Amino acid sequence: MFQERIQKLHDFLTKQGLDAVLITSPKHVYYLTGFFTDPHERFLGLIIPASGEPSLIVPALDREAAAAASSVQNIFTHTDTQNPYDVLKQTLPANLKQLGIEKSHMTVDRYEAVSEAVGASRYVDVEEPLREMRLIKSADEVDRMKHAMRLVEDSLRETLKKVKPGVTEMELVAELEYQMKRLGAEGPSFTSMVLAGEKSALPHGKPGTRQVQEGEVLLFDIGVEANGYVSDITRTFAVGEISEQLREIYETVLAANEAAIAQVRPGVTFAHLDKTARDVIAAKGYGEYFMHRLGHGLGMDVHEYPSVHGENQEKLRAGMVFTIEPGIYVPGVGGVRIEDDVLVTETGVEVLTQFPKQLTVIGK
């Protein structure tokens, strides 16, 4: 699997006439070699030359782990007192003129250091072939994502047992993240969001000391990371009996979620999915209160390509994984979002998230 991915990048290298490709994003190093580390400020780099075998440069403290996990056999190290760019220069092909890099990941500071050490006359962005590879998930990747989804759903189930009037949003966040790690996740895949009452009308609200109260909605937007892949799910609950308006909002969002999912199949555009959900919400008079895109890609990162919005005319292909998360947010009243992770199959769609979506009353 890793050799195939490196070969695809090598094919791009050949077409572009590059002497080598330098990968510095830890997640892309993992994607291409099987070895993951967070090097912090230290240098990490995978070198794929036009001819010869790939090489991996890692901090000296990661050498043993890299040797055990990486598919790349040529491993070079640097200590904290060495200049890692000297090691890079010695490892890259001699007389290198054209180098592929990840422009969106490389900082100006690092680019200047690489440029000074390498002296290439041309730098080419390699994000496009990497994005294309990551866009279509393998069976192994889908299995890893399903595992991450089961973990976050089990964490949510356990946390719901703690919901009662008077508990704070942040107390529920603490419980969620405890359960995530207790059940085997590496941790949350993004900042866990628990929003109560009127705060649920903030699409990207920040949990705090707001206490849960009866008669309002409680929104959870959460995910975990496990084995290199992530999950992302949103569910909204009723704390005791809620108003007819909130019930209407909930049922409208649910109908939009389900309508969009029903349209997922190869050949359909992302714009069509967004419009399908948006039309359901607009028909109920809440169009102005759905102010974000329908969803986003998902995989090693919680936000990946593609963006599921009304201007994206790209067509769905089997193997794509993305979220469908319509919402209605009425200031002073409350908000509802229902988010699922879906896989495009050869014939339609598989909904990877399994947590129930029907309006559920909790906190009794």
Protein backbone atom coordinates (compact mmCIF):
# COMPACT_ATOMS: atom_id res chain seq x y z
CA MET A 1 0.00 0.00 0.00
CA PHE A 2 2.72 2.51 0.94
CA GLN A 3 4.81 1.58 -2.09
CA GLU A 4 1.81 2.20 -4.34
CA ARG A 5 1.27 5.65 -2.83
CA ILE A 6 4.94 6.57 -3.19
CA GLN A 7 4.84 5.34 -6.77
CA LYS A 8 1.93 7.64 -7.60
CA LEU A 9 3.90 10.58 -6.26
CA HIS A 10 6.92 9.36 -8.25
CA ASP A 11 4.78 9.34 -11.40
CA PHE A 12 3.89 12.99 -10.74
CA LEU A 13 7.57 13.75 -10.16
CA THR A 14 8.45 12.20 -13.53
CA LYS A 15 5.75 14.11 -15.42
CA GLN A 16 6.88 17.39 -13.87
CA GLY A 17 10.56 16.71 -14.55
CA LEU A 18 11.48 17.05 -10.88
CA ASP A 19 14.71 15.76 -9.37
CA ALA A 20 13.01 14.86 -6.07
CA VAL A 21 10.00 15.46 -3.83
CA LEU A 22 10.33 16.52 -0.19
CA ILE A 23 7.39 15.70 2.10
CA THR A 24 7.43 17.49 5.47
CA SER A 25 3.83 17.20 6.73
CA PRO A 26 3.77 14.56 9.51
CA LYS A 27 0.41 13.21 8.31
CA HIS A 28 1.65 12.86 4.75
CA VAL A 29 4.82 11.16 5.97
CA TYR A 30 2.50 8.76 7.80
CA TYR A 31 0.28 8.33 4.74
CA LEU A 32 3.25 7.44 2.55
CA THR A 33 5.38 5.40 4.99
CA GLY A 34 3.28 4.19 7.94
CA PHE A 35 5.38 6.13 10.44
CA PHE A 36 3.84 8.98 12.43
CA THR A 37 5.43 11.39 14.82
CA ASP A 38 4.80 14.92 15.97
CA PRO A 39 8.28 16.41 15.62
CA HIS A 40 7.25 19.76 17.11
CA GLU A 41 9.85 22.27 15.91
CA ARG A 42 12.28 19.56 14.78
CA PHE A 43 12.72 18.70 11.10
CA LEU A 44 10.96 15.69 9.59
CA GLY A 45 11.23 14.90 5.90
CA LEU A 46 10.53 12.14 3.41
CA ILE A 47 12.63 12.35 0.24
CA ILE A 48 11.44 10.66 -2.95
CA PRO A 49 14.17 10.98 -5.61
CA ALA A 50 13.73 10.64 -9.37
CA SER A 51 16.04 7.63 -9.20
CA GLY A 52 16.93 5.47 -6.26
CA GLU A 53 15.15 4.59 -3.03
CA PRO A 54 13.24 7.00 -0.79
CA SER A 55 14.84 8.26 2.40
CA LEU A 56 13.40 9.44 5.69
CA ILE A 57 14.99 12.11 7.88
CA VAL A 58 13.80 12.04 11.50
CA PRO A 59 14.92 13.52 14.82
CA ALA A 60 17.41 11.17 16.50
CA LEU A 61 14.97 10.46 19.32
CA ASP A 62 12.53 8.97 16.75
CA ARG A 63 14.98 6.64 15.02
CA GLU A 64 13.86 3.44 16.76
CA ALA A 65 10.17 4.14 16.22
CA ALA A 66 10.75 5.04 12.58
CA ALA A 67 12.74 1.87 11.94
CA ALA A 68 9.92 -0.21 13.43
CA ALA A 69 7.01 1.47 11.64
CA SER A 70 8.26 2.95 8.38
CA SER A 71 8.12 1.18 5.03
CA VAL A 72 11.16 3.26 4.03
CA GLN A 73 14.40 1.55 4.92
CA ASN A 74 16.85 4.43 4.45
CA ILE A 75 16.59 6.41 7.68
CA PHE A 76 18.77 9.40 8.54
CA THR A 77 18.73 11.32 11.80
CA HIS A 78 19.75 14.64 13.30
CA THR A 79 20.35 15.56 16.92
CA ASP A 80 19.16 18.73 18.61
CA THR A 81 22.61 20.27 18.17
CA GLN A 82 22.92 19.47 14.45
CA ASN A 83 21.64 21.48 11.52
CA PRO A 84 19.00 19.20 9.95
CA TYR A 85 19.31 21.01 6.60
CA ASP A 86 22.89 19.81 6.31
CA VAL A 87 21.51 16.27 6.57
CA LEU A 88 18.85 17.14 3.99
CA LYS A 89 21.44 18.48 1.55
CA GLN A 90 23.52 15.31 1.89
CA THR A 91 20.45 13.11 1.37
CA LEU A 92 18.95 14.84 -1.68
CA PRO A 93 20.30 14.03 -5.19
CA ALA A 94 23.44 15.90 -6.16
CA ASN A 95 23.06 18.97 -8.40
CA LEU A 96 19.34 19.12 -7.67
CA LYS A 97 17.56 21.83 -9.67
CA GLN A 98 13.84 21.11 -9.33
CA LEU A 99 12.17 20.06 -6.07
CA GLY A 100 8.58 19.20 -5.21
CA ILE A 101 7.30 20.53 -1.86
CA GLU A 102 4.01 20.95 0.03
CA LYS A 103 3.50 24.67 -0.33
CA SER A 104 0.47 24.86 1.97
CA HIS A 105 2.37 23.15 4.79
CA MET A 106 5.83 24.66 4.49
CA THR A 107 6.31 27.90 6.41
CA VAL A 108 8.27 30.78 4.92
CA ASP A 109 10.98 30.21 7.52
CA ARG A 110 11.35 26.55 6.58
CA TYR A 111 11.18 27.28 2.87
CA GLU A 112 14.04 29.75 3.21
CA ALA A 113 16.11 27.19 5.15
CA VAL A 114 15.42 24.45 2.56
CA SER A 115 16.13 26.83 -0.30
CA GLU A 116 19.44 27.91 1.17
CA ALA A 117 20.53 24.33 1.75
CA VAL A 118 19.29 22.90 -1.55
CA GLY A 119 19.70 25.78 -3.98
CA ALA A 120 17.03 24.54 -6.39
CA SER A 121 15.94 26.86 -9.19
CA ARG A 122 12.32 25.63 -9.24
CA TYR A 123 9.91 24.51 -6.54
CA VAL A 124 6.69 22.74 -7.53
CA ASP A 125 3.65 22.19 -5.30
CA VAL A 126 2.79 18.49 -4.82
CA GLU A 127 -0.50 19.05 -2.97
CA GLU A 128 -2.64 18.12 -6.00
CA PRO A 129 -1.52 14.48 -6.36
CA LEU A 130 -1.60 14.05 -2.58
CA ARG A 131 -5.11 15.47 -2.42
CA GLU A 132 -6.26 13.20 -5.23
CA MET A 133 -4.84 10.14 -3.48
CA ARG A 134 -6.46 11.03 -0.17
CA LEU A 135 -9.78 11.83 -1.81
CA ILE A 136 -10.57 8.18 -2.54
CA LYS A 137 -10.42 6.06 0.60
CA SER A 138 -9.21 2.46 0.62
CA ALA A 139 -11.09 -0.30 2.44
CA ASP A 140 -8.50 -0.11 5.23
CA GLU A 141 -9.01 3.63 5.61
CA VAL A 142 -12.78 3.22 5.75
CA ASP A 143 -12.42 0.54 8.43
CA ARG A 144 -10.23 2.86 10.51
CA MET A 145 -12.77 5.64 10.19
CA LYS A 146 -15.60 3.31 11.19
CA HIS A 147 -13.62 2.41 14.29
CA ALA A 148 -13.19 6.10 15.13
CA MET A 149 -16.93 6.57 14.68
CA ARG A 150 -17.82 3.73 17.02
CA LEU A 151 -15.49 5.21 19.63
CA VAL A 152 -17.04 8.68 19.49
CA GLU A 153 -20.57 7.28 19.52
CA ASP A 154 -19.82 5.11 22.54
CA SER A 155 -18.27 8.15 24.25
CA LEU A 156 -21.44 10.14 23.58
CA ARG A 157 -23.65 7.36 24.95
CA GLU A 158 -21.69 7.28 28.19
CA THR A 159 -21.68 11.06 28.51
CA LEU A 160 -25.43 11.38 28.01
CA LYS A 161 -25.85 9.50 31.29
CA LYS A 162 -24.34 12.54 33.03
CA VAL A 163 -26.73 15.09 31.51
CA LYS A 164 -29.09 16.72 33.98
CA PRO A 165 -30.20 20.28 34.73
CA GLY A 166 -27.35 22.15 36.40
CA VAL A 167 -24.42 20.36 34.75
CA THR A 168 -22.21 22.73 32.77
CA GLU A 169 -21.12 22.52 29.15
CA MET A 170 -17.49 22.21 30.18
CA GLU A 171 -18.24 19.42 32.64
CA LEU A 172 -19.79 17.48 29.78
CA VAL A 173 -16.75 18.19 27.59
CA ALA A 174 -14.50 16.81 30.33
CA GLU A 175 -16.64 13.67 30.58
CA LEU A 176 -16.64 13.20 26.82
CA GLU A 177 -12.89 13.44 26.50
CA TYR A 178 -12.37 11.13 29.47
CA GLN A 179 -14.63 8.55 27.84
CA MET A 180 -12.87 8.95 24.48
CA LYS A 181 -9.53 7.98 25.95
CA ARG A 182 -10.98 5.36 28.27
CA LEU A 183 -12.51 3.62 25.27
CA GLY A 184 -9.28 3.68 23.26
CA ALA A 185 -9.16 6.87 21.21
CA GLU A 186 -5.98 8.91 21.03
CA GLY A 187 -8.08 11.96 21.83
CA PRO A 188 -10.57 14.36 20.26
CA SER A 189 -10.07 15.09 16.56
CA PHE A 190 -10.98 18.74 17.16
CA THR A 191 -12.09 20.93 20.05
CA SER A 192 -15.14 19.19 21.51
CA MET A 193 -18.25 21.34 21.29
CA VAL A 194 -21.12 21.10 23.80
CA LEU A 195 -23.58 24.00 23.62
CA ALA A 196 -26.73 24.46 25.67
CA GLY A 197 -29.86 26.53 25.10
CA GLU A 198 -29.41 29.79 23.23
CA LYS A 199 -25.69 28.99 22.76
CA SER A 200 -26.63 26.12 20.44
CA ALA A 201 -27.51 28.84 17.90
CA LEU A 202 -23.77 29.58 17.58
CA PRO A 203 -22.46 27.25 14.82
CA HIS A 204 -18.94 27.48 16.27
CA GLY A 205 -19.74 28.35 19.86
CA LYS A 206 -17.32 27.80 22.72
CA PRO A 207 -18.31 25.60 25.67
CA GLY A 208 -18.12 27.28 29.06
CA THR A 209 -19.81 27.49 32.42
CA ARG A 210 -23.33 27.74 30.96
CA GLN A 211 -25.53 25.27 32.86
CA VAL A 212 -27.92 22.90 31.10
CA GLN A 213 -31.56 23.73 31.78
CA GLU A 214 -34.81 21.91 31.24
CA GLY A 215 -36.84 22.92 28.21
CA GLU A 216 -33.91 23.62 25.89
CA VAL A 217 -31.77 21.82 23.33
CA LEU A 218 -28.24 20.53 23.92
CA LEU A 219 -25.87 20.22 20.94
CA PHE A 220 -22.81 17.95 20.76
CA ASP A 221 -20.32 18.34 17.88
CA ILE A 222 -17.53 15.86 18.57
CA GLY A 223 -15.02 13.48 17.02
CA VAL A 224 -12.05 11.33 17.90
CA GLU A 225 -8.76 10.33 16.33
CA ALA A 226 -7.75 6.68 16.33
CA ASN A 227 -5.16 4.81 14.26
CA GLY A 228 -4.46 7.87 12.16
CA TYR A 229 -8.07 8.58 11.12
CA VAL A 230 -10.89 10.67 12.53
CA SER A 231 -14.63 10.86 13.05
CA ASP A 232 -16.96 13.86 13.21
CA ILE A 233 -20.56 13.71 14.38
CA THR A 234 -23.15 16.19 15.60
CA ARG A 235 -26.30 15.29 17.50
CA THR A 236 -28.80 17.62 19.19
CA PHE A 237 -31.02 16.56 22.07
CA ALA A 238 -34.03 17.89 23.95
CA VAL A 239 -33.49 18.40 27.67
CA GLY A 240 -36.98 17.64 28.95
CA GLU A 241 -39.92 19.03 27.01
CA ILE A 242 -39.07 21.69 24.41
CA SER A 243 -41.20 24.23 22.53
CA GLU A 244 -43.10 23.50 19.34
CA GLN A 245 -40.76 25.84 17.47
CA LEU A 246 -37.70 23.90 18.56
CA ARG A 247 -39.41 20.65 17.59
CA GLU A 248 -40.20 22.08 14.16
CA ILE A 249 -36.61 23.20 13.75
CA TYR A 250 -35.36 19.77 14.73
CA GLU A 251 -37.65 17.91 12.33
CA THR A 252 -36.74 20.30 9.51
CA VAL A 253 -33.01 19.75 10.00
CA LEU A 254 -33.53 15.99 10.17
CA ALA A 255 -35.53 16.05 6.93
CA ALA A 256 -32.77 18.09 5.24
CA ASN A 257 -30.09 15.68 6.48
CA GLU A 258 -31.97 12.64 5.23
CA ALA A 259 -32.91 14.24 1.90
CA ALA A 260 -29.30 15.06 1.10
CA ILE A 261 -28.07 11.60 2.11
CA ALA A 262 -30.69 10.02 -0.16
CA GLN A 263 -29.13 11.85 -3.14
CA VAL A 264 -25.59 10.58 -2.56
CA ARG A 265 -24.36 8.41 -5.42
CA PRO A 266 -21.61 8.57 -8.07
CA GLY A 267 -22.19 11.26 -10.67
CA VAL A 268 -24.18 13.64 -8.47
CA THR A 269 -22.54 17.00 -7.78
CA PHE A 270 -21.71 18.38 -4.35
CA ALA A 271 -23.69 21.47 -5.32
CA HIS A 272 -26.79 19.31 -5.80
CA LEU A 273 -26.42 17.85 -2.31
CA ASP A 274 -26.13 21.30 -0.77
CA LYS A 275 -29.16 22.57 -2.70
CA THR A 276 -31.23 19.53 -1.73
CA ALA A 277 -30.74 20.17 1.99
CA ARG A 278 -31.04 23.95 1.65
CA ASP A 279 -34.34 23.69 -0.26
CA VAL A 280 -35.88 21.62 2.55
CA ILE A 281 -34.90 24.20 5.13
CA ALA A 282 -35.95 27.17 2.99
CA ALA A 283 -39.37 25.62 2.35
CA LYS A 284 -40.05 25.79 6.09
CA GLY A 285 -39.04 29.44 6.26
CA TYR A 286 -35.64 28.95 7.90
CA GLY A 287 -33.39 29.51 4.88
CA GLU A 288 -31.61 32.54 6.36
CA TYR A 289 -30.74 30.53 9.48
CA PHE A 290 -28.69 27.91 7.58
CA MET A 291 -25.57 29.96 6.91
CA HIS A 292 -22.79 27.43 6.34
CA ARG A 293 -21.87 24.79 3.76
CA LEU A 294 -23.47 21.37 3.93
CA GLY A 295 -20.29 19.50 4.76
CA HIS A 296 -16.61 18.75 4.21
CA GLY A 297 -14.26 15.90 3.41
CA LEU A 298 -13.03 13.61 6.18
CA GLY A 299 -10.11 11.23 6.62
CA MET A 300 -6.79 11.73 8.36
CA ASP A 301 -7.93 15.31 9.01
CA VAL A 302 -11.32 16.44 10.24
CA HIS A 303 -11.54 18.99 7.42
CA GLU A 304 -10.27 17.66 4.10
CA TYR A 305 -11.05 18.24 0.45
CA PRO A 306 -13.76 18.41 -0.88
CA SER A 307 -15.95 21.25 0.38
CA VAL A 308 -19.63 20.38 0.07
CA HIS A 309 -21.24 23.67 -0.96
CA GLY A 310 -23.54 25.12 -3.58
CA GLU A 311 -20.78 26.22 -5.98
CA ASN A 312 -18.86 22.93 -6.10
CA GLN A 313 -19.82 21.24 -9.37
CA GLU A 314 -17.40 18.34 -8.88
CA LYS A 315 -19.08 14.97 -9.20
CA LEU A 316 -19.13 12.35 -6.47
CA ARG A 317 -16.98 9.25 -6.95
CA ALA A 318 -16.99 5.93 -5.15
CA GLY A 319 -14.60 6.01 -2.19
CA MET A 320 -15.18 9.62 -1.20
CA VAL A 321 -16.00 10.24 2.49
CA PHE A 322 -17.52 13.50 3.68
CA THR A 323 -19.97 14.97 6.18
CA ILE A 324 -23.57 16.03 5.69
CA GLU A 325 -24.46 18.50 8.43
CA PRO A 326 -27.34 20.89 7.82
CA GLY A 327 -28.34 23.21 10.64
CA ILE A 328 -30.76 25.91 11.68
CA TYR A 329 -29.59 28.55 14.16
CA VAL A 330 -32.14 31.04 15.49
CA PRO A 331 -30.60 33.67 17.80
CA GLY A 332 -32.17 33.73 21.24
CA VAL A 333 -34.08 30.50 20.57
CA GLY A 334 -31.52 27.79 19.90
CA GLY A 335 -29.90 25.80 17.15
CA VAL A 336 -30.03 22.29 15.76
CA ARG A 337 -27.38 20.55 13.66
CA ILE A 338 -27.40 16.89 12.66
CA GLU A 339 -24.18 15.60 11.14
CA ASP A 340 -23.40 12.25 9.58
CA ASP A 341 -20.29 10.87 7.90
CA VAL A 342 -21.04 9.17 4.58
CA LEU A 343 -19.15 7.00 2.11
CA VAL A 344 -19.95 7.09 -1.61
CA THR A 345 -20.27 3.49 -2.84
CA GLU A 346 -20.41 2.14 -6.41
CA THR A 347 -24.21 2.12 -6.25
CA GLY A 348 -25.09 4.82 -3.73
CA VAL A 349 -24.18 5.63 -0.15
CA GLU A 350 -23.19 4.02 3.14
CA VAL A 351 -23.86 6.09 6.24
CA LEU A 352 -20.87 5.43 8.48
CA THR A 353 -22.27 7.11 11.59
CA GLN A 354 -24.88 5.00 13.35
CA PHE A 355 -26.00 7.05 16.35
CA PRO A 356 -29.84 7.49 16.29
CA LYS A 357 -31.12 10.75 14.82
CA GLN A 358 -34.73 10.89 15.94
CA LEU A 359 -35.43 13.61 18.52
CA THR A 360 -34.46 12.19 21.91
CA VAL A 361 -35.35 13.62 25.29
CA ILE A 362 -32.54 13.41 27.86
CA GLY A 363 -31.81 14.69 31.36
CA LYS A 364 -34.85 13.22 33.08
